[in-house]
Amino acid sequence: KVLLLGTSGCGKSTLLQVLSGLVPQTIDIPIKFDEIQIPDQWG
């Protein structure tokens, strides 16, 4: 159970979208990474 804290605009919401695969699969934002693991079933 992980709580992400930070100032408004620091990227918390964007990180959720990256870890779920919404970025860049649904939301087209240029990103790069060496490795990524997306969960099979998520909400």
PDB file of all heavy atoms in Angstrom:
ATOM      1  N   LYS A   1       0.881  -1.170   0.000  1.00  0.00           N
ATOM      2  CA  LYS A   1       0.000   0.000   0.000  1.00  0.00           C
ATOM      3  C   LYS A   1       0.918   1.220   0.000  1.00  0.00           C
ATOM      4  O   LYS A   1       1.504   1.585   1.020  1.00  0.00           O
ATOM      5  CB  LYS A   1      -0.888   0.009   1.236  1.00  0.00           C
ATOM      6  CG  LYS A   1      -1.567  -1.319   1.557  1.00  0.00           C
ATOM      7  CD  LYS A   1      -2.528  -1.743   0.457  1.00  0.00           C
ATOM      8  CE  LYS A   1      -3.267  -3.026   0.823  1.00  0.00           C
ATOM      9  NZ  LYS A   1      -2.411  -4.230   0.845  1.00  0.00           N
ATOM     10  N   VAL A   2       1.056   1.844  -1.166  1.00  0.00           N
ATOM     11  CA  VAL A   2       2.062   2.887  -1.360  1.00  0.00           C
ATOM     12  C   VAL A   2       1.381   4.243  -1.535  1.00  0.00           C
ATOM     13  O   VAL A   2       0.484   4.404  -2.362  1.00  0.00           O
ATOM     14  CB  VAL A   2       2.937   2.585  -2.594  1.00  0.00           C
ATOM     15  CG1 VAL A   2       4.010   3.645  -2.757  1.00  0.00           C
ATOM     16  CG2 VAL A   2       3.554   1.204  -2.478  1.00  0.00           C
ATOM     17  N   LEU A   3       1.804   5.215  -0.738  1.00  0.00           N
ATOM     18  CA  LEU A   3       1.282   6.578  -0.824  1.00  0.00           C
ATOM     19  C   LEU A   3       2.345   7.483  -1.435  1.00  0.00           C
ATOM     20  O   LEU A   3       3.463   7.564  -0.939  1.00  0.00           O
ATOM     21  CB  LEU A   3       0.911   7.072   0.583  1.00  0.00           C
ATOM     22  CG  LEU A   3       0.395   8.506   0.715  1.00  0.00           C
ATOM     23  CD1 LEU A   3      -0.858   8.716  -0.126  1.00  0.00           C
ATOM     24  CD2 LEU A   3       0.107   8.824   2.182  1.00  0.00           C
ATOM     25  N   LEU A   4       1.994   8.130  -2.554  1.00  0.00           N
ATOM     26  CA  LEU A   4       2.905   9.064  -3.227  1.00  0.00           C
ATOM     27  C   LEU A   4       2.589  10.481  -2.778  1.00  0.00           C
ATOM     28  O   LEU A   4       1.449  10.939  -2.902  1.00  0.00           O
ATOM     29  CB  LEU A   4       2.752   8.960  -4.751  1.00  0.00           C
ATOM     30  CG  LEU A   4       2.867   7.568  -5.383  1.00  0.00           C
ATOM     31  CD1 LEU A   4       2.779   7.685  -6.900  1.00  0.00           C
ATOM     32  CD2 LEU A   4       4.156   6.879  -4.968  1.00  0.00           C
ATOM     33  N   LEU A   5       3.592  11.172  -2.268  1.00  0.00           N
ATOM     34  CA  LEU A   5       3.425  12.542  -1.795  1.00  0.00           C
ATOM     35  C   LEU A   5       4.327  13.486  -2.579  1.00  0.00           C
ATOM     36  O   LEU A   5       5.436  13.108  -2.976  1.00  0.00           O
ATOM     37  CB  LEU A   5       3.763  12.650  -0.307  1.00  0.00           C
ATOM     38  CG  LEU A   5       2.915  11.839   0.673  1.00  0.00           C
ATOM     39  CD1 LEU A   5       3.397  12.078   2.098  1.00  0.00           C
ATOM     40  CD2 LEU A   5       1.445  12.193   0.551  1.00  0.00           C
ATOM     41  N   GLY A   6       3.854  14.692  -2.769  1.00  0.00           N
ATOM     42  CA  GLY A   6       4.657  15.692  -3.469  1.00  0.00           C
ATOM     43  C   GLY A   6       3.839  16.924  -3.743  1.00  0.00           C
ATOM     44  O   GLY A   6       2.620  16.941  -3.555  1.00  0.00           O
ATOM     45  N   THR A   7       4.484  17.979  -4.200  1.00  0.00           N
ATOM     46  CA  THR A   7       3.787  19.222  -4.504  1.00  0.00           C
ATOM     47  C   THR A   7       2.921  19.057  -5.744  1.00  0.00           C
ATOM     48  O   THR A   7       3.101  18.139  -6.547  1.00  0.00           O
ATOM     49  CB  THR A   7       4.801  20.357  -4.745  1.00  0.00           C
ATOM     50  OG1 THR A   7       5.658  19.988  -5.840  1.00  0.00           O
ATOM     51  CG2 THR A   7       5.639  20.620  -3.519  1.00  0.00           C
ATOM     52  N   SER A   8       1.976  19.967  -5.910  1.00  0.00           N
ATOM     53  CA  SER A   8       1.135  19.977  -7.099  1.00  0.00           C
ATOM     54  C   SER A   8       2.001  20.192  -8.341  1.00  0.00           C
ATOM     55  O   SER A   8       2.798  21.122  -8.391  1.00  0.00           O
ATOM     56  CB  SER A   8       0.096  21.097  -6.985  1.00  0.00           C
ATOM     57  OG  SER A   8      -0.646  21.234  -8.165  1.00  0.00           O
ATOM     58  N   GLY A   9       1.865  19.302  -9.334  1.00  0.00           N
ATOM     59  CA  GLY A   9       2.625  19.432 -10.572  1.00  0.00           C
ATOM     60  C   GLY A   9       3.956  18.713 -10.582  1.00  0.00           C
ATOM     61  O   GLY A   9       4.716  18.822 -11.557  1.00  0.00           O
ATOM     62  N   CYS A  10       4.277  17.938  -9.524  1.00  0.00           N
ATOM     63  CA  CYS A  10       5.582  17.268  -9.477  1.00  0.00           C
ATOM     64  C   CYS A  10       5.599  15.958 -10.265  1.00  0.00           C
ATOM     65  O   CYS A  10       6.655  15.342 -10.409  1.00  0.00           O
ATOM     66  CB  CYS A  10       6.007  17.006  -8.031  1.00  0.00           C
ATOM     67  SG  CYS A  10       5.127  15.660  -7.215  1.00  0.00           S
ATOM     68  N   GLY A  11       4.437  15.514 -10.764  1.00  0.00           N
ATOM     69  CA  GLY A  11       4.413  14.327 -11.612  1.00  0.00           C
ATOM     70  C   GLY A  11       3.775  13.094 -11.002  1.00  0.00           C
ATOM     71  O   GLY A  11       3.824  12.015 -11.592  1.00  0.00           O
ATOM     72  N   LYS A  12       3.140  13.205  -9.849  1.00  0.00           N
ATOM     73  CA  LYS A  12       2.553  12.037  -9.185  1.00  0.00           C
ATOM     74  C   LYS A  12       1.500  11.366 -10.054  1.00  0.00           C
ATOM     75  O   LYS A  12       1.530  10.139 -10.241  1.00  0.00           O
ATOM     76  CB  LYS A  12       1.931  12.454  -7.841  1.00  0.00           C
ATOM     77  CG  LYS A  12       2.879  13.164  -6.889  1.00  0.00           C
ATOM     78  CD  LYS A  12       2.229  13.508  -5.574  1.00  0.00           C
ATOM     79  CE  LYS A  12       1.034  14.422  -5.702  1.00  0.00           C
ATOM     80  NZ  LYS A  12       1.364  15.765  -6.241  1.00  0.00           N
ATOM     81  N   SER A  13       0.564  12.149 -10.566  1.00  0.00           N
ATOM     82  CA  SER A  13      -0.501  11.589 -11.400  1.00  0.00           C
ATOM     83  C   SER A  13       0.062  10.992 -12.687  1.00  0.00           C
ATOM     84  O   SER A  13      -0.375   9.930 -13.143  1.00  0.00           O
ATOM     85  CB  SER A  13      -1.538  12.668 -11.739  1.00  0.00           C
ATOM     86  OG  SER A  13      -2.146  13.162 -10.564  1.00  0.00           O
ATOM     87  N   THR A  14       1.051  11.676 -13.270  1.00  0.00           N
ATOM     88  CA  THR A  14       1.683  11.167 -14.488  1.00  0.00           C
ATOM     89  C   THR A  14       2.363   9.832 -14.231  1.00  0.00           C
ATOM     90  O   THR A  14       2.295   8.912 -15.057  1.00  0.00           O
ATOM     91  CB  THR A  14       2.708  12.182 -15.013  1.00  0.00           C
ATOM     92  OG1 THR A  14       2.051  13.435 -15.253  1.00  0.00           O
ATOM     93  CG2 THR A  14       3.347  11.702 -16.303  1.00  0.00           C
ATOM     94  N   LEU A  15       3.005   9.700 -13.060  1.00  0.00           N
ATOM     95  CA  LEU A  15       3.662   8.440 -12.723  1.00  0.00           C
ATOM     96  C   LEU A  15       2.659   7.297 -12.626  1.00  0.00           C
ATOM     97  O   LEU A  15       2.931   6.185 -13.100  1.00  0.00           O
ATOM     98  CB  LEU A  15       4.431   8.581 -11.409  1.00  0.00           C
ATOM     99  CG  LEU A  15       5.185   7.345 -10.939  1.00  0.00           C
ATOM    100  CD1 LEU A  15       6.200   6.880 -11.990  1.00  0.00           C
ATOM    101  CD2 LEU A  15       5.882   7.593  -9.610  1.00  0.00           C
ATOM    102  N   LEU A  16       1.500   7.555 -12.039  1.00  0.00           N
ATOM    103  CA  LEU A  16       0.458   6.526 -11.996  1.00  0.00           C
ATOM    104  C   LEU A  16       0.087   6.080 -13.404  1.00  0.00           C
ATOM    105  O   LEU A  16      -0.112   4.883 -13.670  1.00  0.00           O
ATOM    106  CB  LEU A  16      -0.798   7.048 -11.288  1.00  0.00           C
ATOM    107  CG  LEU A  16      -0.746   7.350  -9.795  1.00  0.00           C
ATOM    108  CD1 LEU A  16      -2.153   7.619  -9.271  1.00  0.00           C
ATOM    109  CD2 LEU A  16      -0.121   6.214  -9.013  1.00  0.00           C
ATOM    110  N   GLN A  17      -0.015   7.038 -14.310  1.00  0.00           N
ATOM    111  CA  GLN A  17      -0.402   6.719 -15.683  1.00  0.00           C
ATOM    112  C   GLN A  17       0.689   5.937 -16.414  1.00  0.00           C
ATOM    113  O   GLN A  17       0.400   5.102 -17.264  1.00  0.00           O
ATOM    114  CB  GLN A  17      -0.740   8.011 -16.424  1.00  0.00           C
ATOM    115  CG  GLN A  17      -1.986   8.696 -15.864  1.00  0.00           C
ATOM    116  CD  GLN A  17      -2.146  10.123 -16.342  1.00  0.00           C
ATOM    117  OE1 GLN A  17      -1.372  10.624 -17.152  1.00  0.00           O
ATOM    118  NE2 GLN A  17      -3.164  10.804 -15.817  1.00  0.00           N
ATOM    119  N   VAL A  18       1.954   6.203 -16.068  1.00  0.00           N
ATOM    120  CA  VAL A  18       3.065   5.436 -16.656  1.00  0.00           C
ATOM    121  C   VAL A  18       3.050   4.000 -16.143  1.00  0.00           C
ATOM    122  O   VAL A  18       3.163   3.043 -16.912  1.00  0.00           O
ATOM    123  CB  VAL A  18       4.416   6.114 -16.347  1.00  0.00           C
ATOM    124  CG1 VAL A  18       5.578   5.196 -16.738  1.00  0.00           C
ATOM    125  CG2 VAL A  18       4.526   7.443 -17.091  1.00  0.00           C
ATOM    126  N   LEU A  19       2.905   3.836 -14.831  1.00  0.00           N
ATOM    127  CA  LEU A  19       2.948   2.505 -14.228  1.00  0.00           C
ATOM    128  C   LEU A  19       1.755   1.641 -14.635  1.00  0.00           C
ATOM    129  O   LEU A  19       1.832   0.416 -14.610  1.00  0.00           O
ATOM    130  CB  LEU A  19       3.000   2.623 -12.699  1.00  0.00           C
ATOM    131  CG  LEU A  19       4.285   3.222 -12.113  1.00  0.00           C
ATOM    132  CD1 LEU A  19       4.146   3.400 -10.615  1.00  0.00           C
ATOM    133  CD2 LEU A  19       5.491   2.330 -12.430  1.00  0.00           C
ATOM    134  N   SER A  20       0.652   2.280 -15.020  1.00  0.00           N
ATOM    135  CA  SER A  20      -0.515   1.525 -15.483  1.00  0.00           C
ATOM    136  C   SER A  20      -0.476   1.274 -16.990  1.00  0.00           C
ATOM    137  O   SER A  20      -1.269   0.477 -17.504  1.00  0.00           O
ATOM    138  CB  SER A  20      -1.803   2.288 -15.140  1.00  0.00           C
ATOM    139  OG  SER A  20      -1.844   3.526 -15.843  1.00  0.00           O
ATOM    140  N   GLY A  21       0.417   1.995 -17.703  1.00  0.00           N
ATOM    141  CA  GLY A  21       0.508   1.851 -19.152  1.00  0.00           C
ATOM    142  C   GLY A  21      -0.339   2.840 -19.924  1.00  0.00           C
ATOM    143  O   GLY A  21      -0.318   2.857 -21.163  1.00  0.00           O
ATOM    144  N   LEU A  22      -1.117   3.671 -19.206  1.00  0.00           N
ATOM    145  CA  LEU A  22      -1.926   4.681 -19.904  1.00  0.00           C
ATOM    146  C   LEU A  22      -1.042   5.641 -20.693  1.00  0.00           C
ATOM    147  O   LEU A  22      -1.406   6.109 -21.771  1.00  0.00           O
ATOM    148  CB  LEU A  22      -2.771   5.457 -18.896  1.00  0.00           C
ATOM    149  CG  LEU A  22      -3.971   4.711 -18.307  1.00  0.00           C
ATOM    150  CD1 LEU A  22      -4.628   5.533 -17.213  1.00  0.00           C
ATOM    151  CD2 LEU A  22      -4.983   4.379 -19.399  1.00  0.00           C
ATOM    152  N   VAL A  23       0.133   5.941 -20.110  1.00  0.00           N
ATOM    153  CA  VAL A  23       1.180   6.696 -20.836  1.00  0.00           C
ATOM    154  C   VAL A  23       2.258   5.694 -21.210  1.00  0.00           C
ATOM    155  O   VAL A  23       2.781   4.983 -20.359  1.00  0.00           O
ATOM    156  CB  VAL A  23       1.777   7.807 -19.937  1.00  0.00           C
ATOM    157  CG1 VAL A  23       2.993   8.427 -20.604  1.00  0.00           C
ATOM    158  CG2 VAL A  23       0.739   8.880 -19.609  1.00  0.00           C
ATOM    159  N   PRO A  24       2.581   5.536 -22.481  1.00  0.00           N
ATOM    160  CA  PRO A  24       2.111   6.317 -23.640  1.00  0.00           C
ATOM    161  C   PRO A  24       1.043   5.589 -24.465  1.00  0.00           C
ATOM    162  O   PRO A  24       0.691   6.074 -25.525  1.00  0.00           O
ATOM    163  CB  PRO A  24       3.385   6.471 -24.455  1.00  0.00           C
ATOM    164  CG  PRO A  24       4.074   5.141 -24.262  1.00  0.00           C
ATOM    165  CD  PRO A  24       3.776   4.722 -22.847  1.00  0.00           C
ATOM    166  N   GLN A  25       0.513   4.461 -23.986  1.00  0.00           N
ATOM    167  CA  GLN A  25      -0.388   3.660 -24.822  1.00  0.00           C
ATOM    168  C   GLN A  25      -1.681   4.398 -25.179  1.00  0.00           C
ATOM    169  O   GLN A  25      -2.172   4.308 -26.299  1.00  0.00           O
ATOM    170  CB  GLN A  25      -0.716   2.348 -24.112  1.00  0.00           C
ATOM    171  CG  GLN A  25       0.492   1.436 -23.926  1.00  0.00           C
ATOM    172  CD  GLN A  25       0.168   0.201 -23.104  1.00  0.00           C
ATOM    173  OE1 GLN A  25      -0.988  -0.135 -22.909  1.00  0.00           O
ATOM    174  NE2 GLN A  25       1.203  -0.464 -22.613  1.00  0.00           N
ATOM    175  N   THR A  26      -2.239   5.128 -24.199  1.00  0.00           N
ATOM    176  CA  THR A  26      -3.479   5.870 -24.429  1.00  0.00           C
ATOM    177  C   THR A  26      -3.236   7.368 -24.472  1.00  0.00           C
ATOM    178  O   THR A  26      -3.810   8.079 -25.300  1.00  0.00           O
ATOM    179  CB  THR A  26      -4.504   5.541 -23.321  1.00  0.00           C
ATOM    180  OG1 THR A  26      -4.729   4.129 -23.299  1.00  0.00           O
ATOM    181  CG2 THR A  26      -5.819   6.262 -23.578  1.00  0.00           C
ATOM    182  N   ILE A  27      -2.393   7.852 -23.569  1.00  0.00           N
ATOM    183  CA  ILE A  27      -2.051   9.277 -23.511  1.00  0.00           C
ATOM    184  C   ILE A  27      -0.671   9.445 -24.124  1.00  0.00           C
ATOM    185  O   ILE A  27       0.315   8.941 -23.606  1.00  0.00           O
ATOM    186  CB  ILE A  27      -2.064   9.784 -22.052  1.00  0.00           C
ATOM    187  CG1 ILE A  27      -3.420   9.484 -21.402  1.00  0.00           C
ATOM    188  CG2 ILE A  27      -1.759  11.272 -21.999  1.00  0.00           C
ATOM    189  CD1 ILE A  27      -3.446   9.730 -19.912  1.00  0.00           C
ATOM    190  N   ASP A  28      -0.610  10.137 -25.240  1.00  0.00           N
ATOM    191  CA  ASP A  28       0.627  10.219 -26.020  1.00  0.00           C
ATOM    192  C   ASP A  28       1.565  11.279 -25.451  1.00  0.00           C
ATOM    193  O   ASP A  28       1.458  12.466 -25.754  1.00  0.00           O
ATOM    194  CB  ASP A  28       0.291  10.525 -27.482  1.00  0.00           C
ATOM    195  CG  ASP A  28       1.522  10.446 -28.384  1.00  0.00           C
ATOM    196  OD1 ASP A  28       2.535   9.885 -27.934  1.00  0.00           O
ATOM    197  OD2 ASP A  28       1.457  10.942 -29.522  1.00  0.00           O
ATOM    198  N   ILE A  29       2.477  10.843 -24.598  1.00  0.00           N
ATOM    199  CA  ILE A  29       3.510  11.710 -24.044  1.00  0.00           C
ATOM    200  C   ILE A  29       4.854  11.046 -24.318  1.00  0.00           C
ATOM    201  O   ILE A  29       5.015   9.848 -24.061  1.00  0.00           O
ATOM    202  CB  ILE A  29       3.324  11.913 -22.525  1.00  0.00           C
ATOM    203  CG1 ILE A  29       1.980  12.597 -22.233  1.00  0.00           C
ATOM    204  CG2 ILE A  29       4.463  12.750 -21.950  1.00  0.00           C
ATOM    205  CD1 ILE A  29       1.661  12.688 -20.760  1.00  0.00           C
ATOM    206  N   PRO A  30       5.835  11.773 -24.841  1.00  0.00           N
ATOM    207  CA  PRO A  30       7.146  11.174 -25.135  1.00  0.00           C
ATOM    208  C   PRO A  30       7.844  10.705 -23.846  1.00  0.00           C
ATOM    209  O   PRO A  30       8.085  11.502 -22.943  1.00  0.00           O
ATOM    210  CB  PRO A  30       7.929  12.323 -25.785  1.00  0.00           C
ATOM    211  CG  PRO A  30       6.892  13.314 -26.216  1.00  0.00           C
ATOM    212  CD  PRO A  30       5.774  13.196 -25.233  1.00  0.00           C
ATOM    213  N   ILE A  31       8.119   9.406 -23.752  1.00  0.00           N
ATOM    214  CA  ILE A  31       8.853   8.888 -22.601  1.00  0.00           C
ATOM    215  C   ILE A  31       9.910   7.890 -23.076  1.00  0.00           C
ATOM    216  O   ILE A  31       9.813   7.317 -24.167  1.00  0.00           O
ATOM    217  CB  ILE A  31       7.932   8.201 -21.567  1.00  0.00           C
ATOM    218  CG1 ILE A  31       7.313   6.906 -22.145  1.00  0.00           C
ATOM    219  CG2 ILE A  31       6.861   9.132 -21.073  1.00  0.00           C
ATOM    220  CD1 ILE A  31       6.586   6.080 -21.100  1.00  0.00           C
ATOM    221  N   LYS A  32      10.910   7.692 -22.231  1.00  0.00           N
ATOM    222  CA  LYS A  32      11.919   6.667 -22.463  1.00  0.00           C
ATOM    223  C   LYS A  32      12.166   5.943 -21.149  1.00  0.00           C
ATOM    224  O   LYS A  32      12.039   6.514 -20.076  1.00  0.00           O
ATOM    225  CB  LYS A  32      13.225   7.290 -22.969  1.00  0.00           C
ATOM    226  CG  LYS A  32      13.136   7.884 -24.361  1.00  0.00           C
ATOM    227  CD  LYS A  32      14.500   8.425 -24.800  1.00  0.00           C
ATOM    228  CE  LYS A  32      14.430   9.006 -26.212  1.00  0.00           C
ATOM    229  NZ  LYS A  32      15.759   9.528 -26.644  1.00  0.00           N
ATOM    230  N   PHE A  33      12.522   4.680 -21.239  1.00  0.00           N
ATOM    231  CA  PHE A  33      12.860   3.898 -20.056  1.00  0.00           C
ATOM    232  C   PHE A  33      13.671   2.692 -20.507  1.00  0.00           C
ATOM    233  O   PHE A  33      13.605   2.260 -21.668  1.00  0.00           O
ATOM    234  CB  PHE A  33      11.603   3.448 -19.302  1.00  0.00           C
ATOM    235  CG  PHE A  33      10.542   2.847 -20.182  1.00  0.00           C
ATOM    236  CD1 PHE A  33      10.639   1.536 -20.644  1.00  0.00           C
ATOM    237  CD2 PHE A  33       9.444   3.598 -20.581  1.00  0.00           C
ATOM    238  CE1 PHE A  33       9.671   0.997 -21.463  1.00  0.00           C
ATOM    239  CE2 PHE A  33       8.469   3.063 -21.408  1.00  0.00           C
ATOM    240  CZ  PHE A  33       8.576   1.751 -21.848  1.00  0.00           C
ATOM    241  N   ASP A  34      14.418   2.131 -19.580  1.00  0.00           N
ATOM    242  CA  ASP A  34      15.186   0.927 -19.889  1.00  0.00           C
ATOM    243  C   ASP A  34      14.313  -0.319 -19.756  1.00  0.00           C
ATOM    244  O   ASP A  34      14.408  -1.240 -20.555  1.00  0.00           O
ATOM    245  CB  ASP A  34      16.406   0.815 -18.968  1.00  0.00           C
ATOM    246  CG  ASP A  34      17.422   1.915 -19.249  1.00  0.00           C
ATOM    247  OD1 ASP A  34      17.318   2.548 -20.314  1.00  0.00           O
ATOM    248  OD2 ASP A  34      18.294   2.134 -18.399  1.00  0.00           O
ATOM    249  N   GLU A  35      13.486  -0.329 -18.717  1.00  0.00           N
ATOM    250  CA  GLU A  35      12.578  -1.459 -18.499  1.00  0.00           C
ATOM    251  C   GLU A  35      11.290  -0.929 -17.878  1.00  0.00           C
ATOM    252  O   GLU A  35      11.296   0.064 -17.162  1.00  0.00           O
ATOM    253  CB  GLU A  35      13.196  -2.490 -17.538  1.00  0.00           C
ATOM    254  CG  GLU A  35      14.456  -3.158 -18.038  1.00  0.00           C
ATOM    255  CD  GLU A  35      15.051  -4.098 -17.002  1.00  0.00           C
ATOM    256  OE1 GLU A  35      14.362  -4.362 -15.978  1.00  0.00           O
ATOM    257  OE2 GLU A  35      16.197  -4.529 -17.182  1.00  0.00           O
ATOM    258  N   ILE A  36      10.187  -1.633 -18.145  1.00  0.00           N
ATOM    259  CA  ILE A  36       8.925  -1.280 -17.493  1.00  0.00           C
ATOM    260  C   ILE A  36       8.087  -2.546 -17.320  1.00  0.00           C
ATOM    261  O   ILE A  36       8.099  -3.430 -18.191  1.00  0.00           O
ATOM    262  CB  ILE A  36       8.152  -0.207 -18.277  1.00  0.00           C
ATOM    263  CG1 ILE A  36       7.018   0.368 -17.424  1.00  0.00           C
ATOM    264  CG2 ILE A  36       7.614  -0.741 -19.594  1.00  0.00           C
ATOM    265  CD1 ILE A  36       6.445   1.672 -17.946  1.00  0.00           C
ATOM    266  N   GLN A  37       7.409  -2.633 -16.203  1.00  0.00           N
ATOM    267  CA  GLN A  37       6.525  -3.762 -15.911  1.00  0.00           C
ATOM    268  C   GLN A  37       5.128  -3.216 -15.620  1.00  0.00           C
ATOM    269  O   GLN A  37       4.940  -2.449 -14.680  1.00  0.00           O
ATOM    270  CB  GLN A  37       7.043  -4.551 -14.700  1.00  0.00           C
ATOM    271  CG  GLN A  37       6.169  -5.726 -14.303  1.00  0.00           C
ATOM    272  CD  GLN A  37       6.637  -6.380 -13.009  1.00  0.00           C
ATOM    273  OE1 GLN A  37       7.526  -5.859 -12.325  1.00  0.00           O
ATOM    274  NE2 GLN A  37       6.052  -7.521 -12.666  1.00  0.00           N
ATOM    275  N   ILE A  38       4.157  -3.605 -16.433  1.00  0.00           N
ATOM    276  CA  ILE A  38       2.777  -3.147 -16.286  1.00  0.00           C
ATOM    277  C   ILE A  38       1.958  -4.295 -15.701  1.00  0.00           C
ATOM    278  O   ILE A  38       2.056  -5.439 -16.179  1.00  0.00           O
ATOM    279  CB  ILE A  38       2.181  -2.732 -17.650  1.00  0.00           C
ATOM    280  CG1 ILE A  38       3.056  -1.681 -18.329  1.00  0.00           C
ATOM    281  CG2 ILE A  38       0.762  -2.228 -17.480  1.00  0.00           C
ATOM    282  CD1 ILE A  38       3.198  -0.402 -17.564  1.00  0.00           C
ATOM    283  N   PRO A  39       1.135  -4.075 -14.687  1.00  0.00           N
ATOM    284  CA  PRO A  39       0.320  -5.156 -14.125  1.00  0.00           C
ATOM    285  C   PRO A  39      -0.701  -5.677 -15.130  1.00  0.00           C
ATOM    286  O   PRO A  39      -1.187  -4.927 -15.988  1.00  0.00           O
ATOM    287  CB  PRO A  39      -0.362  -4.493 -12.921  1.00  0.00           C
ATOM    288  CG  PRO A  39      -0.285  -3.026 -13.173  1.00  0.00           C
ATOM    289  CD  PRO A  39       0.945  -2.792 -13.972  1.00  0.00           C
ATOM    290  N   ASP A  40      -1.018  -6.969 -15.020  1.00  0.00           N
ATOM    291  CA  ASP A  40      -1.966  -7.589 -15.956  1.00  0.00           C
ATOM    292  C   ASP A  40      -3.388  -7.083 -15.731  1.00  0.00           C
ATOM    293  O   ASP A  40      -4.116  -6.814 -16.690  1.00  0.00           O
ATOM    294  CB  ASP A  40      -1.930  -9.119 -15.795  1.00  0.00           C
ATOM    295  CG  ASP A  40      -0.586  -9.705 -16.209  1.00  0.00           C
ATOM    296  OD1 ASP A  40       0.043  -9.127 -17.111  1.00  0.00           O
ATOM    297  OD2 ASP A  40      -0.170 -10.719 -15.613  1.00  0.00           O
ATOM    298  N   GLN A  41      -3.808  -6.983 -14.467  1.00  0.00           N
ATOM    299  CA  GLN A  41      -5.174  -6.542 -14.155  1.00  0.00           C
ATOM    300  C   GLN A  41      -5.095  -5.354 -13.204  1.00  0.00           C
ATOM    301  O   GLN A  41      -4.586  -5.491 -12.085  1.00  0.00           O
ATOM    302  CB  GLN A  41      -5.966  -7.682 -13.499  1.00  0.00           C
ATOM    303  CG  GLN A  41      -6.243  -8.847 -14.449  1.00  0.00           C
ATOM    304  CD  GLN A  41      -7.072  -9.910 -13.758  1.00  0.00           C
ATOM    305  OE1 GLN A  41      -6.675 -10.466 -12.741  1.00  0.00           O
ATOM    306  NE2 GLN A  41      -8.231 -10.199 -14.315  1.00  0.00           N
ATOM    307  N   TRP A  42      -5.595  -4.234 -13.650  1.00  0.00           N
ATOM    308  CA  TRP A  42      -5.521  -3.039 -12.816  1.00  0.00           C
ATOM    309  C   TRP A  42      -6.762  -2.167 -13.006  1.00  0.00           C
ATOM    310  O   TRP A  42      -7.487  -2.276 -13.994  1.00  0.00           O
ATOM    311  CB  TRP A  42      -4.263  -2.223 -13.141  1.00  0.00           C
ATOM    312  CG  TRP A  42      -4.098  -1.857 -14.594  1.00  0.00           C
ATOM    313  CD1 TRP A  42      -3.438  -2.572 -15.543  1.00  0.00           C
ATOM    314  CD2 TRP A  42      -4.628  -0.700 -15.257  1.00  0.00           C
ATOM    315  NE1 TRP A  42      -3.507  -1.935 -16.758  1.00  0.00           N
ATOM    316  CE2 TRP A  42      -4.225  -0.778 -16.606  1.00  0.00           C
ATOM    317  CE3 TRP A  42      -5.380   0.388 -14.847  1.00  0.00           C
ATOM    318  CZ2 TRP A  42      -4.576   0.183 -17.548  1.00  0.00           C
ATOM    319  CZ3 TRP A  42      -5.729   1.363 -15.778  1.00  0.00           C
ATOM    320  CH2 TRP A  42      -5.316   1.250 -17.106  1.00  0.00           C
ATOM    321  N   GLY A  43      -7.006  -1.331 -12.021  1.00  0.00           N
ATOM    322  CA  GLY A  43      -8.088  -0.358 -12.084  1.00  0.00           C
ATOM    323  C   GLY A  43      -7.544   1.014 -11.735  1.00  0.00           C
ATOM    324  O   GLY A  43      -6.564   1.136 -10.998  1.00  0.00           O
TER     325      GLY A  43
END
